[in-house]
């Protein structure tokens, strides 16, 4: 295959950084009251689920030293 011998002008790349479009993006749509209420409800549900899992999971994560000591004493007594 033949290679291109002509230099490639890269001036258009430098000009692309300075290019500004004269087309403005459309303005964002305003959220309706239903959408806002739905977002709040979703947020409250997620927070309630996290708090609930923390409340229900904390007893499983705590170490109960009193039950282990009674089990050890019963095992040492031969019961």
Protein backbone atom coordinates (compact mmCIF):
# COMPACT_ATOMS: atom_id res chain seq x y z
CA UNK A 1 0.00 0.00 0.00
CA UNK A 2 1.07 3.53 -0.68
CA UNK A 3 1.61 5.93 2.15
CA UNK A 4 0.36 9.45 1.90
CA UNK A 5 3.26 11.86 1.44
CA UNK A 6 1.35 15.12 1.91
CA UNK A 7 1.37 16.78 5.29
CA UNK A 8 -2.00 16.69 6.98
CA UNK A 9 -3.08 20.06 8.34
CA UNK A 10 -4.26 19.82 11.92
CA UNK A 11 -5.37 23.42 12.20
CA UNK A 12 -9.00 22.33 12.22
CA UNK A 13 -8.41 20.53 15.53
CA UNK A 14 -7.21 23.74 17.15
CA UNK A 15 -10.16 25.64 15.70
CA UNK A 16 -12.61 23.04 17.04
CA UNK A 17 -11.73 24.04 20.62
CA UNK A 18 -12.77 27.62 19.93
CA UNK A 19 -15.94 26.75 18.05
CA UNK A 20 -19.16 27.92 19.65
CA UNK A 21 -22.52 26.88 18.39
CA UNK A 22 -25.24 29.44 17.86
CA UNK A 23 -27.91 26.86 18.71
CA UNK A 24 -28.99 27.04 22.33
CA UNK A 25 -30.05 23.85 24.08
CA UNK A 26 -33.70 23.66 25.06
CA UNK A 27 -34.55 24.81 28.58
CA UNK A 28 -34.99 22.01 31.13
CA UNK A 29 -38.55 20.94 31.77
CA UNK A 30 -40.03 21.77 35.13
CA UNK A 31 -40.88 18.81 37.30
CA UNK A 32 -44.51 18.32 38.10
CA UNK A 33 -45.80 17.95 41.64
CA UNK A 34 -46.33 14.23 41.05
CA UNK A 35 -42.71 13.72 40.01
CA UNK A 36 -41.43 15.66 43.02
CA UNK A 37 -43.66 13.65 45.37
CA UNK A 38 -42.48 10.42 43.75
CA UNK A 39 -38.84 11.36 44.25
CA UNK A 40 -39.49 12.21 47.90
CA UNK A 41 -41.34 8.95 48.42
CA UNK A 42 -38.52 6.97 46.81
CA UNK A 43 -35.92 8.74 48.97
CA UNK A 44 -37.88 8.17 52.17
CA UNK A 45 -38.39 4.50 51.25
CA UNK A 46 -34.67 3.96 50.64
CA UNK A 47 -33.72 5.70 53.90
CA UNK A 48 -36.34 3.70 55.83
CA UNK A 49 -35.03 0.47 54.33
CA UNK A 50 -31.46 1.31 55.34
CA UNK A 51 -32.48 2.28 58.87
CA UNK A 52 -34.67 -0.83 59.17
CA UNK A 53 -31.90 -3.13 58.06
CA UNK A 54 -29.56 -1.48 60.52
CA UNK A 55 -32.06 -1.85 63.38
CA UNK A 56 -32.78 -5.48 62.55
CA UNK A 57 -29.15 -6.34 61.87
CA UNK A 58 -27.57 -4.82 64.97
CA UNK A 59 -28.66 -7.57 67.38
CA UNK A 60 -27.07 -10.15 65.11
CA UNK A 61 -23.79 -8.23 65.12
CA UNK A 62 -23.50 -7.79 68.88
CA UNK A 63 -21.62 -10.36 70.93
CA UNK A 64 -23.48 -11.68 73.93
CA UNK A 65 -20.75 -12.65 76.42
CA UNK A 66 -23.15 -13.85 79.11
CA UNK A 67 -24.57 -16.72 77.02
CA UNK A 68 -21.11 -17.96 76.03
CA UNK A 69 -19.93 -18.00 79.65
CA UNK A 70 -22.95 -20.04 80.78
CA UNK A 71 -22.46 -22.50 77.94
CA UNK A 72 -18.82 -22.93 78.87
CA UNK A 73 -19.64 -23.47 82.53
CA UNK A 74 -22.29 -26.07 81.70
CA UNK A 75 -19.90 -27.88 79.37
CA UNK A 76 -17.18 -27.91 82.00
CA UNK A 77 -19.60 -29.36 84.55
CA UNK A 78 -20.47 -32.21 82.19
CA UNK A 79 -24.11 -31.36 81.49
